[in-house]
Amino acid sequence: MADEKEVDAVTGVETTGHVWDGIRELDTPMPRWWLWTFYATIAFAAVYTVLYPAWPLVNGATTGLLGWSSRADLRTEISAADMLNVDRETAIQTTEVSKIAASPELRQYAVAAGRAAFKVNCVQCHGSGAQGGPGYPNLNDDAWIWGGTVDDIYLSIQHGIRYGADDETRYSEMPAFGRDGILDRTQIADVAWYVRQLSGQEADAAGVERGAPLYVENCAACHGEAGEGMREVGAPRLNDAIWLYGGSHAEISAQVVAPRHGVMPGWEDRLGEGTVKELAVYVHSLGGGEQVAAE
């Protein structure tokens, strides 16, 4: 680096005094148009911070002379959108959920609105694609513990499952056959083998033979003689390949010993009747919804 600035002999422009590998940096003035643009941006920024919210304060920010707010703009846009849909929302509120599902216009709106509500309130348990998980039902298939018509689904969402704050909640409870001493460990293992055989899985033949009468005596009253389930009491099918808590011998045995019982809140008090109807129509549209109640 040179100690003093010099004038470049070729261009006649003063250098900055900096030298890199023998190359001297020219101290060329910025173009006037660039300088005036730069000054204009500074002036614009100063005016902007006076007119609009800009400077942070302890509990907020300056509001600006125009009083503009992005939140206020958003509220205005949401209100305008709500006004466009007020007729549909009124119709949803006053129409039975089965008739909503049967109306092409209302159904389309309800499915869209229900999808949005599902993403906010339901994906935490049932998954973003409603595929469920261990202990949380898959809502895309055609296995319904309480029934899969849109009215059945609406009732489940409205009052919840084993939700203590709602007197009309759907409720079922399987006895703890092992914990309460109804069956011993060997008997539970045999019943589990029999249940695996009902669902078409590999099972110990001797265990199946011993487990058959135990199943009839203790399980068939709710789950059915062939494992077909009973929706009236919320007893799931046992003769398919769908398992809420797992279908291995160990997992079935654990459920017989001390059953786990899931809880879903009743959503009507939280979301309102209209949103619950929209959720019911959306869930019914996922692929497993039934058109008529199963006999």
Protein backbone atom coordinates (compact mmCIF):
# COMPACT_ATOMS: atom_id res chain seq x y z
CA MET A 1 0.00 0.00 0.00
CA ALA A 2 1.42 3.38 -0.98
CA ASP A 3 1.69 6.15 1.66
CA GLU A 4 0.46 8.93 -0.62
CA LYS A 5 -2.19 9.20 -3.28
CA GLU A 6 -1.00 9.60 -6.83
CA VAL A 7 -2.52 10.67 -10.14
CA ASP A 8 -2.81 7.94 -12.72
CA ALA A 9 -0.77 8.94 -15.76
CA VAL A 10 -3.15 7.28 -18.26
CA THR A 11 -6.55 8.52 -16.99
CA GLY A 12 -5.49 11.56 -15.00
CA VAL A 13 -7.61 10.33 -12.05
CA GLU A 14 -6.27 10.39 -8.53
CA THR A 15 -5.68 6.97 -6.97
CA THR A 16 -6.84 5.84 -3.53
CA GLY A 17 -3.32 4.92 -2.52
CA HIS A 18 -4.18 1.21 -2.43
CA VAL A 19 -2.04 -1.18 -4.45
CA TRP A 20 -2.63 -4.92 -5.07
CA ASP A 21 -0.09 -6.88 -7.05
CA GLY A 22 1.12 -3.69 -8.68
CA ILE A 23 -2.42 -2.58 -9.61
CA ARG A 24 -3.42 0.86 -8.29
CA GLU A 25 -7.06 1.58 -7.40
CA LEU A 26 -8.52 4.69 -9.04
CA ASP A 27 -10.58 7.04 -6.90
CA THR A 28 -13.17 7.60 -9.63
CA PRO A 29 -16.13 9.73 -8.49
CA MET A 30 -19.54 8.05 -8.55
CA PRO A 31 -21.83 9.06 -11.44
CA ARG A 32 -24.13 11.97 -10.62
CA TRP A 33 -27.26 10.00 -11.45
CA TRP A 34 -26.22 7.30 -8.98
CA LEU A 35 -25.57 9.82 -6.21
CA TRP A 36 -28.92 11.55 -6.74
CA THR A 37 -30.68 8.14 -6.71
CA PHE A 38 -28.93 7.29 -3.46
CA TYR A 39 -29.96 10.59 -1.89
CA ALA A 40 -33.54 10.02 -3.07
CA THR A 41 -33.68 6.62 -1.37
CA ILE A 42 -32.50 8.21 1.87
CA ALA A 43 -35.19 10.87 1.59
CA PHE A 44 -37.82 8.23 0.78
CA ALA A 45 -36.79 6.16 3.81
CA ALA A 46 -37.03 9.20 6.09
CA VAL A 47 -40.54 10.04 4.83
CA TYR A 48 -41.61 6.37 5.04
CA THR A 49 -40.57 6.05 8.70
CA VAL A 50 -42.66 9.11 9.51
CA LEU A 51 -45.80 7.98 7.65
CA TYR A 52 -45.75 4.23 8.42
CA PRO A 53 -44.94 2.03 11.46
CA ALA A 54 -41.18 1.78 11.61
CA TRP A 55 -39.31 2.61 14.81
CA PRO A 56 -39.38 -0.09 17.50
CA LEU A 57 -40.41 0.95 20.99
CA VAL A 58 -40.48 -0.94 24.30
CA ASN A 59 -44.01 -2.35 23.85
CA GLY A 60 -44.58 -1.88 20.15
CA ALA A 61 -43.55 0.50 17.41
CA THR A 62 -44.37 3.97 16.12
CA THR A 63 -47.77 3.93 14.41
CA GLY A 64 -46.94 6.45 11.68
CA LEU A 65 -48.95 9.52 10.71
CA LEU A 66 -51.15 7.53 8.30
CA GLY A 67 -52.16 5.02 10.98
CA TRP A 68 -51.69 2.11 8.56
CA SER A 69 -51.45 -1.46 9.92
CA SER A 70 -50.86 -4.74 8.10
CA ARG A 71 -53.06 -6.48 10.68
CA ALA A 72 -55.88 -4.03 10.00
CA ASP A 73 -55.52 -4.67 6.27
CA LEU A 74 -55.67 -8.41 6.88
CA ARG A 75 -58.79 -8.06 9.03
CA THR A 76 -60.41 -6.01 6.27
CA GLU A 77 -59.60 -8.65 3.66
CA ILE A 78 -60.87 -11.46 5.88
CA SER A 79 -64.08 -9.54 6.55
CA ALA A 80 -64.57 -9.02 2.82
CA ALA A 81 -64.04 -12.75 2.18
CA ASP A 82 -66.48 -13.61 4.98
CA MET A 83 -69.09 -11.34 3.45
CA LEU A 84 -68.77 -13.18 0.13
CA ASN A 85 -69.47 -16.49 1.90
CA VAL A 86 -72.12 -15.34 4.35
CA ASP A 87 -74.94 -16.97 2.36
CA ARG A 88 -73.15 -20.31 2.24
CA GLU A 89 -72.25 -20.16 5.93
CA THR A 90 -75.87 -19.38 6.81
CA ALA A 91 -77.01 -22.33 4.71
CA ILE A 92 -74.47 -24.61 6.40
CA GLN A 93 -75.73 -23.53 9.82
CA THR A 94 -79.39 -24.16 9.01
CA THR A 95 -79.08 -27.32 6.88
CA GLU A 96 -78.81 -30.89 8.10
CA VAL A 97 -75.36 -32.33 7.53
CA SER A 98 -76.70 -35.14 5.31
CA LYS A 99 -78.39 -32.60 3.06
CA ILE A 100 -75.19 -30.55 2.89
CA ALA A 101 -73.34 -33.64 1.66
CA ALA A 102 -76.07 -34.23 -0.93
CA SER A 103 -75.99 -30.66 -2.30
CA PRO A 104 -73.22 -30.18 -4.93
CA GLU A 105 -72.74 -26.48 -4.14
CA LEU A 106 -72.85 -26.75 -0.34
CA ARG A 107 -70.76 -29.93 -0.37
CA GLN A 108 -68.00 -28.29 -2.41
CA TYR A 109 -67.88 -25.34 -0.04
CA ALA A 110 -68.06 -27.54 3.07
CA VAL A 111 -65.23 -29.78 1.88
CA ALA A 112 -62.98 -26.76 1.23
CA ALA A 113 -63.82 -25.15 4.57
CA GLY A 114 -63.56 -28.47 6.40
CA ARG A 115 -60.13 -29.13 4.90
CA ALA A 116 -58.89 -25.80 6.29
CA ALA A 117 -60.38 -26.50 9.73
CA PHE A 118 -58.88 -30.01 9.70
CA LYS A 119 -55.37 -28.65 9.08
CA VAL A 120 -55.68 -26.37 12.10
CA ASN A 121 -57.44 -28.65 14.59
CA CYS A 122 -57.06 -32.31 13.60
CA VAL A 123 -53.69 -33.01 11.98
CA GLN A 124 -51.91 -33.11 15.34
CA CYS A 125 -53.48 -36.54 15.99
CA HIS A 126 -54.83 -37.81 12.67
CA GLY A 127 -51.91 -36.61 10.52
CA SER A 128 -51.72 -34.10 7.67
CA GLY A 129 -53.19 -36.64 5.27
CA ALA A 130 -55.68 -38.02 7.82
CA GLN A 131 -53.67 -41.26 7.75
CA GLY A 132 -53.67 -41.55 11.54
CA GLY A 133 -51.04 -43.39 13.55
CA PRO A 134 -50.70 -45.70 16.58
CA GLY A 135 -53.74 -44.93 18.73
CA TYR A 136 -55.20 -42.48 16.20
CA PRO A 137 -57.60 -43.80 13.53
CA ASN A 138 -56.94 -43.54 9.82
CA LEU A 139 -59.82 -41.50 8.38
CA ASN A 140 -59.20 -42.53 4.76
CA ASP A 141 -60.21 -46.17 5.04
CA ASP A 142 -63.64 -47.76 5.44
CA ALA A 143 -63.16 -49.08 8.99
CA TRP A 144 -65.48 -47.14 11.31
CA ILE A 145 -65.90 -48.02 14.96
CA TRP A 146 -68.96 -45.81 15.39
CA GLY A 147 -70.22 -45.74 11.79
CA GLY A 148 -69.08 -43.97 8.64
CA THR A 149 -72.12 -42.08 7.34
CA VAL A 150 -71.80 -38.32 7.36
CA ASP A 151 -74.32 -38.21 10.23
CA ASP A 152 -72.26 -40.72 12.23
CA ILE A 153 -69.07 -38.77 11.64
CA TYR A 154 -70.80 -35.51 12.55
CA LEU A 155 -71.98 -36.96 15.86
CA SER A 156 -68.48 -38.22 16.69
CA ILE A 157 -66.89 -34.83 15.98
CA GLN A 158 -69.69 -32.93 17.68
CA HIS A 159 -69.60 -34.76 21.02
CA GLY A 160 -66.20 -36.46 20.94
CA ILE A 161 -65.08 -39.89 22.08
CA ARG A 162 -64.90 -40.58 25.83
CA TYR A 163 -64.89 -36.82 26.35
CA GLY A 164 -65.85 -36.22 29.97
CA ALA A 165 -67.01 -32.63 29.46
CA ASP A 166 -69.86 -33.70 27.14
CA ASP A 167 -72.70 -35.83 28.49
CA GLU A 168 -73.56 -37.01 24.96
CA THR A 169 -70.05 -38.15 24.07
CA ARG A 170 -69.61 -41.56 22.47
CA TYR A 171 -68.37 -43.93 25.13
CA SER A 172 -67.13 -47.50 25.22
CA GLU A 173 -64.70 -49.27 27.51
CA MET A 174 -63.12 -52.67 27.19
CA PRO A 175 -62.52 -54.54 30.46
CA ALA A 176 -58.95 -54.99 31.61
CA PHE A 177 -59.01 -58.78 31.49
CA GLY A 178 -55.49 -59.18 32.82
CA ARG A 179 -55.17 -56.28 35.23
CA ASP A 180 -58.52 -57.07 36.85
CA GLY A 181 -57.87 -60.80 37.04
CA ILE A 182 -60.65 -61.87 34.68
CA LEU A 183 -58.26 -64.02 32.63
CA ASP A 184 -54.82 -65.32 33.53
CA ARG A 185 -51.71 -64.83 31.44
CA THR A 186 -52.02 -68.14 29.59
CA GLN A 187 -55.66 -67.52 28.72
CA ILE A 188 -54.85 -64.04 27.42
CA ALA A 189 -52.12 -65.45 25.20
CA ASP A 190 -54.58 -68.00 23.78
CA VAL A 191 -57.25 -65.37 23.13
CA ALA A 192 -54.65 -63.25 21.35
CA TRP A 193 -53.77 -66.21 19.10
CA TYR A 194 -57.45 -66.67 18.30
CA VAL A 195 -57.86 -62.97 17.43
CA ARG A 196 -54.84 -63.18 15.12
CA GLN A 197 -56.48 -66.15 13.42
CA LEU A 198 -59.71 -64.15 13.00
CA SER A 199 -57.80 -61.47 11.11
CA GLY A 200 -56.13 -63.97 8.80
CA GLN A 201 -52.71 -63.75 10.43
CA GLU A 202 -50.33 -66.54 11.30
CA ALA A 203 -51.25 -68.08 14.65
CA ASP A 204 -50.36 -70.94 16.95
CA ALA A 205 -52.87 -73.71 16.20
CA ALA A 206 -53.02 -75.04 19.75
CA GLY A 207 -53.44 -71.53 21.12
CA VAL A 208 -56.24 -70.85 18.65
CA GLU A 209 -58.07 -74.00 19.74
CA ARG A 210 -57.81 -73.09 23.42
CA GLY A 211 -58.62 -69.43 22.76
CA ALA A 212 -61.84 -70.04 20.78
CA PRO A 213 -64.13 -70.81 23.76
CA LEU A 214 -62.50 -68.04 25.81
CA TYR A 215 -63.26 -65.59 23.02
CA VAL A 216 -66.91 -66.70 22.84
CA GLU A 217 -67.31 -66.35 26.61
CA ASN A 218 -65.55 -63.01 27.06
CA CYS A 219 -65.31 -61.13 23.75
CA ALA A 220 -68.03 -62.13 21.29
CA ALA A 221 -70.76 -60.15 23.07
CA CYS A 222 -69.14 -56.91 21.85
CA HIS A 223 -66.80 -57.88 19.00
CA GLY A 224 -69.13 -60.44 17.40
CA GLU A 225 -68.74 -64.18 16.98
CA ALA A 226 -66.75 -63.70 13.77
CA GLY A 227 -64.95 -60.57 14.98
CA GLU A 228 -67.21 -58.32 12.91
CA GLY A 229 -67.45 -55.68 15.65
CA MET A 230 -70.48 -53.85 16.96
CA ARG A 231 -70.92 -50.17 16.22
CA GLU A 232 -73.74 -49.76 18.73
CA VAL A 233 -71.22 -50.15 21.56
CA GLY A 234 -68.11 -48.88 19.75
CA ALA A 235 -66.44 -52.29 19.54
CA PRO A 236 -64.01 -52.48 16.58
CA ARG A 237 -63.81 -55.27 14.04
CA LEU A 238 -61.17 -57.88 14.75
CA ASN A 239 -61.38 -59.81 11.47
CA ASP A 240 -59.65 -57.26 9.25
CA ALA A 241 -56.07 -56.05 8.92
CA ILE A 242 -56.64 -52.67 10.61
CA TRP A 243 -55.22 -52.28 14.11
CA LEU A 244 -55.32 -49.14 16.22
CA TYR A 245 -52.69 -50.35 18.69
CA GLY A 246 -50.95 -53.02 16.63
CA GLY A 247 -51.80 -56.56 15.51
CA SER A 248 -48.85 -58.61 16.71
CA HIS A 249 -49.46 -61.30 19.32
CA ALA A 250 -47.68 -59.21 21.96
CA GLU A 251 -49.63 -56.05 21.08
CA ILE A 252 -53.00 -57.83 21.10
CA SER A 253 -52.12 -59.46 24.41
CA ALA A 254 -51.16 -56.09 25.92
CA GLN A 255 -54.49 -54.62 24.86
CA VAL A 256 -56.38 -57.51 26.47
CA VAL A 257 -54.36 -57.19 29.70
CA ALA A 258 -54.87 -53.42 30.13
CA PRO A 259 -56.63 -51.80 27.18
CA ARG A 260 -55.79 -48.31 26.06
CA HIS A 261 -58.77 -46.06 25.36
CA GLY A 262 -58.32 -43.02 23.16
CA VAL A 263 -60.04 -39.69 23.86
CA MET A 264 -61.19 -37.10 21.35
CA PRO A 265 -62.73 -33.81 22.52
CA GLY A 266 -66.16 -32.70 21.43
CA TRP A 267 -65.56 -29.89 18.98
CA GLU A 268 -68.90 -28.10 18.73
CA ASP A 269 -68.31 -25.86 21.76
CA ARG A 270 -64.86 -24.96 20.46
CA LEU A 271 -65.51 -24.54 16.75
CA GLY A 272 -69.25 -24.01 16.41
CA GLU A 273 -71.93 -26.04 14.68
CA GLY A 274 -71.12 -24.85 11.17
CA THR A 275 -67.42 -25.77 11.31
CA VAL A 276 -68.22 -29.18 12.80
CA LYS A 277 -70.59 -29.88 9.91
CA GLU A 278 -67.89 -28.81 7.44
CA LEU A 279 -65.38 -31.12 9.14
CA ALA A 280 -67.84 -34.01 8.97
CA VAL A 281 -68.44 -33.49 5.25
CA TYR A 282 -64.70 -33.20 4.61
CA VAL A 283 -63.83 -36.40 6.53
CA HIS A 284 -66.71 -38.20 4.80
CA SER A 285 -65.23 -37.15 1.44
CA LEU A 286 -61.80 -38.65 2.10
CA GLY A 287 -62.72 -41.98 0.58
CA GLY A 288 -64.07 -44.17 3.34
CA GLY A 289 -67.35 -42.38 4.00
CA GLU A 290 -70.46 -44.55 3.81
CA GLN A 291 -73.65 -43.54 2.06
CA VAL A 292 -75.99 -45.48 4.32
CA ALA A 293 -75.63 -46.75 7.83
CA ALA A 294 -74.48 -50.35 8.11
CA GLU A 295 -77.16 -52.73 9.29
